[in-house]
PDB file of N, CA and C in Angstrom:
ATOM      1  N   UNK A   1     129.628  25.982  78.658  1.00  0.00           N
ATOM      2  CA  UNK A   1     129.455  27.190  77.872  1.00  0.00           C
ATOM      3  C   UNK A   1     127.962  27.365  77.602  1.00  0.00           C
ATOM      4  N   UNK A   2     127.462  28.572  77.833  1.00  0.00           N
ATOM      5  CA  UNK A   2     126.051  28.881  77.633  1.00  0.00           C
ATOM      6  C   UNK A   2     125.906  29.985  76.592  1.00  0.00           C
ATOM      7  N   UNK A   3     125.086  29.762  75.585  1.00  0.00           N
ATOM      8  CA  UNK A   3     124.813  30.785  74.580  1.00  0.00           C
ATOM      9  C   UNK A   3     123.747  31.736  75.124  1.00  0.00           C
ATOM     10  N   UNK A   4     123.936  33.025  74.894  1.00  0.00           N
ATOM     11  CA  UNK A   4     123.011  34.051  75.350  1.00  0.00           C
ATOM     12  C   UNK A   4     122.256  34.591  74.150  1.00  0.00           C
ATOM     13  N   UNK A   5     120.932  34.745  74.314  1.00  0.00           N
ATOM     14  CA  UNK A   5     120.115  35.300  73.234  1.00  0.00           C
ATOM     15  C   UNK A   5     119.006  36.160  73.833  1.00  0.00           C
ATOM     16  N   UNK A   6     118.725  37.279  73.203  1.00  0.00           N
ATOM     17  CA  UNK A   6     117.588  38.117  73.548  1.00  0.00           C
ATOM     18  C   UNK A   6     116.966  38.674  72.275  1.00  0.00           C
ATOM     19  N   UNK A   7     115.652  38.793  72.280  1.00  0.00           N
ATOM     20  CA  UNK A   7     114.956  39.434  71.158  1.00  0.00           C
ATOM     21  C   UNK A   7     115.123  40.946  71.203  1.00  0.00           C
ATOM     22  N   UNK A   8     115.674  41.465  72.300  1.00  0.00           N
ATOM     23  CA  UNK A   8     115.852  42.907  72.464  1.00  0.00           C
ATOM     24  C   UNK A   8     117.163  43.421  71.880  1.00  0.00           C
ATOM     25  N   UNK A   9     117.841  42.568  71.144  1.00  0.00           N
ATOM     26  CA  UNK A   9     119.052  42.939  70.408  1.00  0.00           C
ATOM     27  C   UNK A   9     118.954  42.234  69.054  1.00  0.00           C
ATOM     28  N   UNK A  10     119.664  42.742  68.063  1.00  0.00           N
ATOM     29  CA  UNK A  10     119.577  42.113  66.742  1.00  0.00           C
ATOM     30  C   UNK A  10     120.029  40.655  66.769  1.00  0.00           C
ATOM     31  N   UNK A  11     119.343  39.838  66.013  1.00  0.00           N
ATOM     32  CA  UNK A  11     119.774  38.452  65.842  1.00  0.00           C
ATOM     33  C   UNK A  11     121.113  38.449  65.114  1.00  0.00           C
ATOM     34  N   UNK A  12     121.900  37.424  65.347  1.00  0.00           N
ATOM     35  CA  UNK A  12     123.192  37.300  64.665  1.00  0.00           C
ATOM     36  C   UNK A  12     122.971  37.249  63.152  1.00  0.00           C
ATOM     37  N   UNK A  13     123.833  37.920  62.403  1.00  0.00           N
ATOM     38  CA  UNK A  13     123.719  37.918  60.939  1.00  0.00           C
ATOM     39  C   UNK A  13     124.707  36.936  60.310  1.00  0.00           C
ATOM     40  N   UNK A  14     125.152  35.994  61.124  1.00  0.00           N
ATOM     41  CA  UNK A  14     126.081  34.970  60.667  1.00  0.00           C
ATOM     42  C   UNK A  14     126.059  33.810  61.641  1.00  0.00           C
ATOM     43  N   UNK A  15     126.997  32.878  61.501  1.00  0.00           N
ATOM     44  CA  UNK A  15     127.038  31.688  62.365  1.00  0.00           C
ATOM     45  C   UNK A  15     127.731  31.970  63.705  1.00  0.00           C
ATOM     46  N   UNK A  16     127.081  32.764  64.549  1.00  0.00           N
ATOM     47  CA  UNK A  16     127.624  33.096  65.863  1.00  0.00           C
ATOM     48  C   UNK A  16     126.475  33.444  66.805  1.00  0.00           C
ATOM     49  N   UNK A  17     126.780  33.597  68.090  1.00  0.00           N
ATOM     50  CA  UNK A  17     125.802  33.940  69.121  1.00  0.00           C
ATOM     51  C   UNK A  17     125.928  35.414  69.483  1.00  0.00           C
ATOM     52  N   UNK A  18     124.862  35.975  70.040  1.00  0.00           N
ATOM     53  CA  UNK A  18     124.933  37.350  70.526  1.00  0.00           C
ATOM     54  C   UNK A  18     125.974  37.470  71.638  1.00  0.00           C
ATOM     55  N   UNK A  19     126.051  36.434  72.467  1.00  0.00           N
ATOM     56  CA  UNK A  19     127.036  36.388  73.547  1.00  0.00           C
ATOM     57  C   UNK A  19     127.159  34.952  74.031  1.00  0.00           C
ATOM     58  N   UNK A  20     128.255  34.708  74.748  1.00  0.00           N
ATOM     59  CA  UNK A  20     128.502  33.398  75.338  1.00  0.00           C
ATOM     60  C   UNK A  20     128.964  33.623  76.778  1.00  0.00           C
ATOM     61  N   UNK A  21     128.428  32.815  77.691  1.00  0.00           N
ATOM     62  CA  UNK A  21     128.875  32.827  79.088  1.00  0.00           C
ATOM     63  C   UNK A  21     129.776  31.609  79.283  1.00  0.00           C
ATOM     64  N   UNK A  22     130.993  31.838  79.762  1.00  0.00           N
ATOM     65  CA  UNK A  22     131.942  30.749  79.993  1.00  0.00           C
ATOM     66  C   UNK A  22     132.867  31.132  81.143  1.00  0.00           C
ATOM     67  N   UNK A  23     133.071  30.203  82.059  1.00  0.00           N
ATOM     68  CA  UNK A  23     134.018  30.391  83.167  1.00  0.00           C
ATOM     69  C   UNK A  23     133.820  31.708  83.911  1.00  0.00           C
ATOM     70  N   UNK A  24     132.558  32.064  84.168  1.00  0.00           N
ATOM     71  CA  UNK A  24     132.261  33.268  84.935  1.00  0.00           C
ATOM     72  C   UNK A  24     132.386  34.567  84.174  1.00  0.00           C
ATOM     73  N   UNK A  25     132.536  34.480  82.863  1.00  0.00           N
ATOM     74  CA  UNK A  25     132.673  35.685  82.038  1.00  0.00           C
ATOM     75  C   UNK A  25     131.623  35.689  80.929  1.00  0.00           C
ATOM     76  N   UNK A  26     131.279  36.879  80.468  1.00  0.00           N
ATOM     77  CA  UNK A  26     130.390  37.074  79.320  1.00  0.00           C
ATOM     78  C   UNK A  26     131.224  37.674  78.197  1.00  0.00           C
ATOM     79  N   UNK A  27     131.134  37.067  77.036  1.00  0.00           N
ATOM     80  CA  UNK A  27     131.821  37.552  75.838  1.00  0.00           C
ATOM     81  C   UNK A  27     130.744  37.890  74.817  1.00  0.00           C
ATOM     82  N   UNK A  28     130.580  39.171  74.503  1.00  0.00           N
ATOM     83  CA  UNK A  28     129.576  39.521  73.505  1.00  0.00           C
ATOM     84  C   UNK A  28     130.209  39.525  72.123  1.00  0.00           C
ATOM     85  N   UNK A  29     129.380  39.236  71.155  1.00  0.00           N
ATOM     86  CA  UNK A  29     129.795  39.464  69.769  1.00  0.00           C
ATOM     87  C   UNK A  29     129.713  40.962  69.523  1.00  0.00           C
ATOM     88  N   UNK A  30     130.377  41.430  68.498  1.00  0.00           N
ATOM     89  CA  UNK A  30     130.290  42.838  68.150  1.00  0.00           C
ATOM     90  C   UNK A  30     128.868  43.205  67.796  1.00  0.00           C
ATOM     91  N   UNK A  31     128.423  44.342  68.305  1.00  0.00           N
ATOM     92  CA  UNK A  31     127.091  44.855  67.981  1.00  0.00           C
ATOM     93  C   UNK A  31     127.241  46.077  67.086  1.00  0.00           C
ATOM     94  N   UNK A  32     126.439  46.088  66.024  1.00  0.00           N
ATOM     95  CA  UNK A  32     126.322  47.285  65.200  1.00  0.00           C
ATOM     96  C   UNK A  32     124.953  47.888  65.483  1.00  0.00           C
ATOM     97  N   UNK A  33     124.632  48.986  64.846  1.00  0.00           N
ATOM     98  CA  UNK A  33     123.458  49.792  65.209  1.00  0.00           C
ATOM     99  C   UNK A  33     122.151  49.318  64.583  1.00  0.00           C
ATOM    100  N   UNK A  34     121.957  48.028  64.506  1.00  0.00           N
ATOM    101  CA  UNK A  34     120.688  47.513  63.986  1.00  0.00           C
ATOM    102  C   UNK A  34     119.629  47.654  65.072  1.00  0.00           C
ATOM    103  N   UNK A  35     118.508  48.262  64.719  1.00  0.00           N
ATOM    104  CA  UNK A  35     117.366  48.346  65.613  1.00  0.00           C
ATOM    105  C   UNK A  35     116.689  46.985  65.595  1.00  0.00           C
ATOM    106  N   UNK A  36     116.607  46.287  66.736  1.00  0.00           N
ATOM    107  CA  UNK A  36     116.036  44.942  66.720  1.00  0.00           C
ATOM    108  C   UNK A  36     114.566  44.911  66.312  1.00  0.00           C
ATOM    109  N   UNK A  37     113.853  46.013  66.477  1.00  0.00           N
ATOM    110  CA  UNK A  37     112.435  46.061  66.111  1.00  0.00           C
ATOM    111  C   UNK A  37     112.234  46.098  64.601  1.00  0.00           C
ATOM    112  N   UNK A  38     113.188  46.710  63.896  1.00  0.00           N
ATOM    113  CA  UNK A  38     113.022  46.865  62.443  1.00  0.00           C
ATOM    114  C   UNK A  38     114.005  46.035  61.634  1.00  0.00           C
ATOM    115  N   UNK A  39     115.112  45.639  62.262  1.00  0.00           N
ATOM    116  CA  UNK A  39     116.150  44.913  61.544  1.00  0.00           C
ATOM    117  C   UNK A  39     117.010  45.792  60.664  1.00  0.00           C
ATOM    118  N   UNK A  40     116.910  47.104  60.856  1.00  0.00           N
ATOM    119  CA  UNK A  40     117.650  48.054  60.020  1.00  0.00           C
ATOM    120  C   UNK A  40     118.524  48.975  60.859  1.00  0.00           C
ATOM    121  N   UNK A  41     119.548  49.523  60.214  1.00  0.00           N
ATOM    122  CA  UNK A  41     120.312  50.623  60.809  1.00  0.00           C
ATOM    123  C   UNK A  41     119.562  51.889  60.453  1.00  0.00           C
ATOM    124  N   UNK A  42     119.052  52.587  61.454  1.00  0.00           N
ATOM    125  CA  UNK A  42     118.233  53.773  61.200  1.00  0.00           C
ATOM    126  C   UNK A  42     119.016  55.063  61.349  1.00  0.00           C
ATOM    127  N   UNK A  43     119.914  55.132  62.319  1.00  0.00           N
ATOM    128  CA  UNK A  43     120.700  56.344  62.543  1.00  0.00           C
ATOM    129  C   UNK A  43     121.744  56.493  61.442  1.00  0.00           C
ATOM    130  N   UNK A  44     121.938  57.707  61.003  1.00  0.00           N
ATOM    131  CA  UNK A  44     122.902  57.977  59.929  1.00  0.00           C
ATOM    132  C   UNK A  44     124.209  58.576  60.440  1.00  0.00           C
ATOM    133  N   UNK A  45     124.233  59.008  61.712  1.00  0.00           N
ATOM    134  CA  UNK A  45     125.435  59.616  62.268  1.00  0.00           C
ATOM    135  C   UNK A  45     126.036  58.706  63.328  1.00  0.00           C
ATOM    136  N   UNK A  46     127.300  58.937  63.660  1.00  0.00           N
ATOM    137  CA  UNK A  46     128.004  58.053  64.583  1.00  0.00           C
ATOM    138  C   UNK A  46     127.410  58.099  65.991  1.00  0.00           C
ATOM    139  N   UNK A  47     126.930  59.248  66.436  1.00  0.00           N
ATOM    140  CA  UNK A  47     126.357  59.305  67.777  1.00  0.00           C
ATOM    141  C   UNK A  47     125.043  58.524  67.852  1.00  0.00           C
ATOM    142  N   UNK A  48     124.198  58.656  66.858  1.00  0.00           N
ATOM    143  CA  UNK A  48     122.958  57.892  66.833  1.00  0.00           C
ATOM    144  C   UNK A  48     123.221  56.404  66.747  1.00  0.00           C
ATOM    145  N   UNK A  49     124.198  56.019  65.940  1.00  0.00           N
ATOM    146  CA  UNK A  49     124.545  54.609  65.830  1.00  0.00           C
ATOM    147  C   UNK A  49     125.166  54.094  67.129  1.00  0.00           C
ATOM    148  N   UNK A  50     126.004  54.885  67.768  1.00  0.00           N
ATOM    149  CA  UNK A  50     126.612  54.462  69.026  1.00  0.00           C
ATOM    150  C   UNK A  50     125.538  54.262  70.091  1.00  0.00           C
ATOM    151  N   UNK A  51     124.562  55.136  70.129  1.00  0.00           N
ATOM    152  CA  UNK A  51     123.450  54.997  71.076  1.00  0.00           C
ATOM    153  C   UNK A  51     122.743  53.657  70.869  1.00  0.00           C
ATOM    154  N   UNK A  52     122.452  53.303  69.627  1.00  0.00           N
ATOM    155  CA  UNK A  52     121.779  52.032  69.356  1.00  0.00           C
ATOM    156  C   UNK A  52     122.674  50.848  69.711  1.00  0.00           C
ATOM    157  N   UNK A  53     123.953  50.937  69.386  1.00  0.00           N
ATOM    158  CA  UNK A  53     124.896  49.865  69.721  1.00  0.00           C
ATOM    159  C   UNK A  53     124.923  49.642  71.232  1.00  0.00           C
ATOM    160  N   UNK A  54     124.995  50.717  71.991  1.00  0.00           N
ATOM    161  CA  UNK A  54     125.086  50.585  73.443  1.00  0.00           C
ATOM    162  C   UNK A  54     123.779  50.050  74.027  1.00  0.00           C
ATOM    163  N   UNK A  55     122.645  50.439  73.476  1.00  0.00           N
ATOM    164  CA  UNK A  55     121.361  49.879  73.919  1.00  0.00           C
ATOM    165  C   UNK A  55     121.314  48.384  73.616  1.00  0.00           C
ATOM    166  N   UNK A  56     121.779  47.990  72.422  1.00  0.00           N
ATOM    167  CA  UNK A  56     121.814  46.567  72.072  1.00  0.00           C
ATOM    168  C   UNK A  56     122.687  45.794  73.052  1.00  0.00           C
ATOM    169  N   UNK A  57     123.872  46.335  73.350  1.00  0.00           N
ATOM    170  CA  UNK A  57     124.779  45.666  74.286  1.00  0.00           C
ATOM    171  C   UNK A  57     124.187  45.600  75.688  1.00  0.00           C
ATOM    172  N   UNK A  58     123.530  46.661  76.114  1.00  0.00           N
ATOM    173  CA  UNK A  58     122.884  46.659  77.422  1.00  0.00           C
ATOM    174  C   UNK A  58     121.853  45.529  77.495  1.00  0.00           C
ATOM    175  N   UNK A  59     121.086  45.344  76.426  1.00  0.00           N
ATOM    176  CA  UNK A  59     120.078  44.287  76.404  1.00  0.00           C
ATOM    177  C   UNK A  59     120.712  42.891  76.406  1.00  0.00           C
ATOM    178  N   UNK A  60     121.815  42.727  75.711  1.00  0.00           N
ATOM    179  CA  UNK A  60     122.512  41.435  75.719  1.00  0.00           C
ATOM    180  C   UNK A  60     123.077  41.160  77.114  1.00  0.00           C
ATOM    181  N   UNK A  61     123.695  42.155  77.729  1.00  0.00           N
ATOM    182  CA  UNK A  61     124.234  41.975  79.073  1.00  0.00           C
ATOM    183  C   UNK A  61     123.124  41.657  80.073  1.00  0.00           C
ATOM    184  N   UNK A  62     121.985  42.327  79.963  1.00  0.00           N
ATOM    185  CA  UNK A  62     120.846  42.039  80.834  1.00  0.00           C
ATOM    186  C   UNK A  62     120.395  40.593  80.665  1.00  0.00           C
ATOM    187  N   UNK A  63     120.302  40.144  79.425  1.00  0.00           N
ATOM    188  CA  UNK A  63     119.903  38.750  79.163  1.00  0.00           C
ATOM    189  C   UNK A  63     120.904  37.772  79.760  1.00  0.00           C
ATOM    190  N   UNK A  64     122.156  38.196  79.871  1.00  0.00           N
ATOM    191  CA  UNK A  64     123.205  37.345  80.441  1.00  0.00           C
ATOM    192  C   UNK A  64     123.279  37.460  81.959  1.00  0.00           C
ATOM    193  N   UNK A  65     122.474  38.362  82.539  1.00  0.00           N
ATOM    194  CA  UNK A  65     122.455  38.511  83.986  1.00  0.00           C
ATOM    195  C   UNK A  65     123.525  39.431  84.534  1.00  0.00           C
ATOM    196  N   UNK A  66     124.015  40.357  83.719  1.00  0.00           N
ATOM    197  CA  UNK A  66     125.040  41.295  84.177  1.00  0.00           C
ATOM    198  C   UNK A  66     124.737  42.678  83.625  1.00  0.00           C
ATOM    199  N   UNK A  67     125.654  43.612  83.804  1.00  0.00           N
ATOM    200  CA  UNK A  67     125.431  44.973  83.317  1.00  0.00           C
ATOM    201  C   UNK A  67     126.764  45.666  83.034  1.00  0.00           C
ATOM    202  N   UNK A  68     126.674  46.920  82.612  1.00  0.00           N
ATOM    203  CA  UNK A  68     127.873  47.660  82.222  1.00  0.00           C
ATOM    204  C   UNK A  68     128.872  47.838  83.373  1.00  0.00           C
ATOM    205  N   UNK A  69     128.408  47.809  84.615  1.00  0.00           N
ATOM    206  CA  UNK A  69     129.333  48.000  85.735  1.00  0.00           C
ATOM    207  C   UNK A  69     130.311  46.830  85.881  1.00  0.00           C
ATOM    208  N   UNK A  70     130.032  45.717  85.227  1.00  0.00           N
ATOM    209  CA  UNK A  70     130.881  44.524  85.310  1.00  0.00           C
ATOM    210  C   UNK A  70     131.785  44.355  84.084  1.00  0.00           C
ATOM    211  N   UNK A  71     131.806  45.343  83.205  1.00  0.00           N
ATOM    212  CA  UNK A  71     132.613  45.260  81.982  1.00  0.00           C
ATOM    213  C   UNK A  71     134.093  45.408  82.329  1.00  0.00           C
ATOM    214  N   UNK A  72     134.911  44.481  81.827  1.00  0.00           N
ATOM    215  CA  UNK A  72     136.350  44.544  82.065  1.00  0.00           C
ATOM    216  C   UNK A  72     137.138  44.935  80.820  1.00  0.00           C
ATOM    217  N   UNK A  73     136.537  44.764  79.624  1.00  0.00           N
ATOM    218  CA  UNK A  73     137.258  45.078  78.377  1.00  0.00           C
ATOM    219  C   UNK A  73     136.255  45.351  77.279  1.00  0.00           C
ATOM    220  N   UNK A  74     136.501  46.371  76.488  1.00  0.00           N
ATOM    221  CA  UNK A  74     135.719  46.618  75.278  1.00  0.00           C
ATOM    222  C   UNK A  74     136.677  46.723  74.095  1.00  0.00           C
ATOM    223  N   UNK A  75     136.167  46.356  72.950  1.00  0.00           N
ATOM    224  CA  UNK A  75     136.872  46.579  71.694  1.00  0.00           C
ATOM    225  C   UNK A  75     135.915  47.336  70.798  1.00  0.00           C
ATOM    226  N   UNK A  76     136.365  48.469  70.308  1.00  0.00           N
ATOM    227  CA  UNK A  76     135.519  49.376  69.541  1.00  0.00           C
ATOM    228  C   UNK A  76     136.118  49.570  68.149  1.00  0.00           C
ATOM    229  N   UNK A  77     135.246  49.521  67.164  1.00  0.00           N
ATOM    230  CA  UNK A  77     135.655  49.661  65.771  1.00  0.00           C
ATOM    231  C   UNK A  77     134.908  50.842  65.173  1.00  0.00           C
ATOM    232  N   UNK A  78     135.631  51.766  64.568  1.00  0.00           N
ATOM    233  CA  UNK A  78     135.029  52.927  63.923  1.00  0.00           C
ATOM    234  C   UNK A  78     135.349  52.901  62.435  1.00  0.00           C
ATOM    235  N   UNK A  79     134.373  53.269  61.625  1.00  0.00           N
ATOM    236  CA  UNK A  79     134.608  53.357  60.189  1.00  0.00           C
ATOM    237  C   UNK A  79     135.484  54.563  59.854  1.00  0.00           C
ATOM    238  N   UNK A  80     135.492  55.567  60.744  1.00  0.00           N
ATOM    239  CA  UNK A  80     136.288  56.777  60.531  1.00  0.00           C
ATOM    240  C   UNK A  80     136.822  57.242  61.884  1.00  0.00           C
ATOM    241  N   UNK A  81     138.128  57.244  62.048  1.00  0.00           N
ATOM    242  CA  UNK A  81     138.729  57.624  63.332  1.00  0.00           C
ATOM    243  C   UNK A  81     138.423  59.085  63.683  1.00  0.00           C
ATOM    244  N   UNK A  82     138.036  59.883  62.710  1.00  0.00           N
ATOM    245  CA  UNK A  82     137.633  61.264  62.983  1.00  0.00           C
ATOM    246  C   UNK A  82     136.380  61.320  63.856  1.00  0.00           C
ATOM    247  N   UNK A  83     135.645  60.216  63.944  1.00  0.00           N
ATOM    248  CA  UNK A  83     134.443  60.137  64.785  1.00  0.00           C
ATOM    249  C   UNK A  83     134.757  59.773  66.231  1.00  0.00           C
ATOM    250  N   UNK A  84     136.039  59.661  66.583  1.00  0.00           N
ATOM    251  CA  UNK A  84     136.465  59.208  67.909  1.00  0.00           C
ATOM    252  C   UNK A  84     135.829  60.030  69.035  1.00  0.00           C
ATOM    253  N   UNK A  85     135.875  61.332  68.942  1.00  0.00           N
ATOM    254  CA  UNK A  85     135.322  62.198  69.992  1.00  0.00           C
ATOM    255  C   UNK A  85     133.813  62.069  70.113  1.00  0.00           C
ATOM    256  N   UNK A  86     133.123  62.076  68.994  1.00  0.00           N
ATOM    257  CA  UNK A  86     131.659  61.947  69.000  1.00  0.00           C
ATOM    258  C   UNK A  86     131.248  60.585  69.551  1.00  0.00           C
ATOM    259  N   UNK A  87     131.976  59.543  69.182  1.00  0.00           N
ATOM    260  CA  UNK A  87     131.731  58.199  69.704  1.00  0.00           C
ATOM    261  C   UNK A  87     131.899  58.183  71.220  1.00  0.00           C
ATOM    262  N   UNK A  88     132.993  58.750  71.715  1.00  0.00           N
ATOM    263  CA  UNK A  88     133.294  58.743  73.151  1.00  0.00           C
ATOM    264  C   UNK A  88     132.217  59.430  73.982  1.00  0.00           C
ATOM    265  N   UNK A  89     131.585  60.480  73.433  1.00  0.00           N
ATOM    266  CA  UNK A  89     130.530  61.187  74.170  1.00  0.00           C
ATOM    267  C   UNK A  89     129.396  60.235  74.543  1.00  0.00           C
ATOM    268  N   UNK A  90     128.983  59.391  73.621  1.00  0.00           N
ATOM    269  CA  UNK A  90     127.889  58.457  73.875  1.00  0.00           C
ATOM    270  C   UNK A  90     128.394  57.245  74.656  1.00  0.00           C
ATOM    271  N   UNK A  91     129.494  56.667  74.240  1.00  0.00           N
ATOM    272  CA  UNK A  91     130.091  55.503  74.926  1.00  0.00           C
ATOM    273  C   UNK A  91     130.253  55.788  76.417  1.00  0.00           C
ATOM    274  N   UNK A  92     130.736  56.981  76.757  1.00  0.00           N
ATOM    275  CA  UNK A  92     131.003  57.354  78.136  1.00  0.00           C
ATOM    276  C   UNK A  92     129.760  57.476  79.001  1.00  0.00           C
ATOM    277  N   UNK A  93     128.587  57.624  78.397  1.00  0.00           N
ATOM    278  CA  UNK A  93     127.336  57.640  79.162  1.00  0.00           C
ATOM    279  C   UNK A  93     127.003  56.246  79.678  1.00  0.00           C
ATOM    280  N   UNK A  94     127.446  55.225  78.978  1.00  0.00           N
ATOM    281  CA  UNK A  94     127.131  53.841  79.326  1.00  0.00           C
ATOM    282  C   UNK A  94     128.263  53.153  80.083  1.00  0.00           C
ATOM    283  N   UNK A  95     129.477  53.364  79.628  1.00  0.00           N
ATOM    284  CA  UNK A  95     130.644  52.705  80.215  1.00  0.00           C
ATOM    285  C   UNK A  95     131.317  53.712  81.135  1.00  0.00           C
ATOM    286  N   UNK A  96     131.003  53.615  82.426  1.00  0.00           N
ATOM    287  CA  UNK A  96     131.482  54.620  83.381  1.00  0.00           C
ATOM    288  C   UNK A  96     132.596  54.112  84.286  1.00  0.00           C
ATOM    289  N   UNK A  97     132.823  52.802  84.320  1.00  0.00           N
ATOM    290  CA  UNK A  97     133.809  52.221  85.227  1.00  0.00           C
ATOM    291  C   UNK A  97     135.228  52.195  84.641  1.00  0.00           C
ATOM    292  N   UNK A  98     135.388  52.689  83.429  1.00  0.00           N
ATOM    293  CA  UNK A  98     136.685  52.780  82.757  1.00  0.00           C
ATOM    294  C   UNK A  98     137.424  51.448  82.661  1.00  0.00           C
ATOM    295  N   UNK A  99     136.806  50.467  81.968  1.00  0.00           N
ATOM    296  CA  UNK A  99     137.494  49.193  81.750  1.00  0.00           C
ATOM    297  C   UNK A  99     138.625  49.368  80.740  1.00  0.00           C
ATOM    298  N   UNK A 100     139.378  48.315  80.535  1.00  0.00           N
ATOM    299  CA  UNK A 100     140.381  48.337  79.464  1.00  0.00           C
ATOM    300  C   UNK A 100     139.639  48.471  78.139  1.00  0.00           C
ATOM    301  N   UNK A 101     140.293  49.090  77.143  1.00  0.00           N
ATOM    302  CA  UNK A 101     139.613  49.310  75.864  1.00  0.00           C
ATOM    303  C   UNK A 101     140.615  49.419  74.736  1.00  0.00           C
ATOM    304  N   UNK A 102     140.211  48.908  73.593  1.00  0.00           N
ATOM    305  CA  UNK A 102     140.902  49.168  72.329  1.00  0.00           C
ATOM    306  C   UNK A 102     139.892  49.853  71.426  1.00  0.00           C
ATOM    307  N   UNK A 103     140.337  50.821  70.651  1.00  0.00           N
ATOM    308  CA  UNK A 103     139.458  51.502  69.702  1.00  0.00           C
ATOM    309  C   UNK A 103     140.265  51.747  68.437  1.00  0.00           C
ATOM    310  N   UNK A 104     139.805  51.173  67.335  1.00  0.00           N
ATOM    311  CA  UNK A 104     140.542  51.270  66.085  1.00  0.00           C
ATOM    312  C   UNK A 104     139.611  51.652  64.943  1.00  0.00           C
ATOM    313  N   UNK A 105     140.185  52.246  63.925  1.00  0.00           N
ATOM    314  CA  UNK A 105     139.451  52.505  62.686  1.00  0.00           C
ATOM    315  C   UNK A 105     139.658  51.316  61.765  1.00  0.00           C
ATOM    316  N   UNK A 106     138.608  50.955  61.062  1.00  0.00           N
ATOM    317  CA  UNK A 106     138.651  49.821  60.141  1.00  0.00           C
ATOM    318  C   UNK A 106     138.159  50.278  58.771  1.00  0.00           C
ATOM    319  N   UNK A 107     138.484  49.510  57.766  1.00  0.00           N
ATOM    320  CA  UNK A 107     138.099  49.873  56.403  1.00  0.00           C
ATOM    321  C   UNK A 107     136.593  49.856  56.211  1.00  0.00           C
ATOM    322  N   UNK A 108     135.937  48.787  56.638  1.00  0.00           N
ATOM    323  CA  UNK A 108     134.491  48.639  56.492  1.00  0.00           C
ATOM    324  C   UNK A 108     133.935  47.851  57.660  1.00  0.00           C
ATOM    325  N   UNK A 109     132.651  48.082  57.954  1.00  0.00           N
ATOM    326  CA  UNK A 109     131.925  47.309  58.953  1.00  0.00           C
ATOM    327  C   UNK A 109     130.700  46.692  58.284  1.00  0.00           C
ATOM    328  N   UNK A 110     130.148  45.609  58.850  1.00  0.00           N
ATOM    329  CA  UNK A 110     128.969  44.996  58.248  1.00  0.00           C
ATOM    330  C   UNK A 110     127.835  46.007  58.056  1.00  0.00           C
ATOM    331  N   UNK A 111     127.119  45.854  56.966  1.00  0.00           N
ATOM    332  CA  UNK A 111     125.954  46.687  56.644  1.00  0.00           C
ATOM    333  C   UNK A 111     126.295  48.179  56.585  1.00  0.00           C
ATOM    334  N   UNK A 112     127.557  48.499  56.290  1.00  0.00           N
ATOM    335  CA  UNK A 112     128.030  49.882  56.207  1.00  0.00           C
ATOM    336  C   UNK A 112     127.844  50.664  57.505  1.00  0.00           C
ATOM    337  N   UNK A 113     127.880  49.964  58.636  1.00  0.00           N
ATOM    338  CA  UNK A 113     127.766  50.620  59.940  1.00  0.00           C
ATOM    339  C   UNK A 113     128.957  51.546  60.160  1.00  0.00           C
ATOM    340  N   UNK A 114     128.769  52.523  61.033  1.00  0.00           N
ATOM    341  CA  UNK A 114     129.829  53.463  61.378  1.00  0.00           C
ATOM    342  C   UNK A 114     130.586  53.045  62.627  1.00  0.00           C
ATOM    343  N   UNK A 115     129.977  52.169  63.455  1.00  0.00           N
ATOM    344  CA  UNK A 115     130.579  51.770  64.729  1.00  0.00           C
ATOM    345  C   UNK A 115     130.164  50.344  65.072  1.00  0.00           C
ATOM    346  N   UNK A 116     131.078  49.618  65.719  1.00  0.00           N
ATOM    347  CA  UNK A 116     130.797  48.294  66.265  1.00  0.00           C
ATOM    348  C   UNK A 116     131.542  48.183  67.592  1.00  0.00           C
ATOM    349  N   UNK A 117     130.894  47.566  68.579  1.00  0.00           N
ATOM    350  CA  UNK A 117     131.514  47.406  69.895  1.00  0.00           C
ATOM    351  C   UNK A 117     131.259  45.987  70.391  1.00  0.00           C
ATOM    352  N   UNK A 118     132.300  45.382  70.977  1.00  0.00           N
ATOM    353  CA  UNK A 118     132.166  44.093  71.653  1.00  0.00           C
ATOM    354  C   UNK A 118     132.658  44.256  73.083  1.00  0.00           C
ATOM    355  N   UNK A 119     132.148  43.397  73.959  1.00  0.00           N
ATOM    356  CA  UNK A 119     132.399  43.543  75.400  1.00  0.00           C
ATOM    357  C   UNK A 119     132.775  42.212  76.024  1.00  0.00           C
ATOM    358  N   UNK A 120     133.641  42.280  77.027  1.00  0.00           N
ATOM    359  CA  UNK A 120     133.896  41.163  77.927  1.00  0.00           C
ATOM    360  C   UNK A 120     133.513  41.668  79.323  1.00  0.00           C
ATOM    361  N   UNK A 121     132.661  40.901  80.008  1.00  0.00           N
ATOM    362  CA  UNK A 121     132.168  41.320  81.315  1.00  0.00           C
ATOM    363  C   UNK A 121     132.162  40.145  82.284  1.00  0.00           C
ATOM    364  N   UNK A 122     132.163  40.460  83.553  1.00  0.00           N
ATOM    365  CA  UNK A 122     132.034  39.459  84.599  1.00  0.00           C
ATOM    366  C   UNK A 122     130.571  39.049  84.683  1.00  0.00           C
ATOM    367  N   UNK A 123     130.317  37.751  84.713  1.00  0.00           N
ATOM    368  CA  UNK A 123     128.949  37.267  84.905  1.00  0.00           C
ATOM    369  C   UNK A 123     128.573  37.440  86.373  1.00  0.00           C
ATOM    370  N   UNK A 124     127.357  37.769  86.648  1.00  0.00           N
ATOM    371  CA  UNK A 124     126.883  37.942  88.045  1.00  0.00           C
ATOM    372  C   UNK A 124     126.764  36.612  88.719  1.00  0.00           C
TER     373      UNK A 124
END
């Protein structure tokens, strides 16, 4: 098992890794919209936050030696299911291969984020 880390994504805010490579797969931790340069959530709307989340995930996947084309499963968490359509507009720009996906609304997300996404991908 190999732990994946990049300075181009937010550091873990708890006892976990940004991602782990195991048995030819990459498992990312959930990413929220923290800008790694500032350590803050800057976007106030779901589309802006989704853009930052997807950029963070792209950077983690790059550090792991893979990319969005190798994603087999995503799990998406929204603070408000009414944001589903707005979220999908941005998500769909990054995730084009149509992997399996779950998307659910949750009561709260860390740091009052509006969206969180985790990914399982094939390692290159």
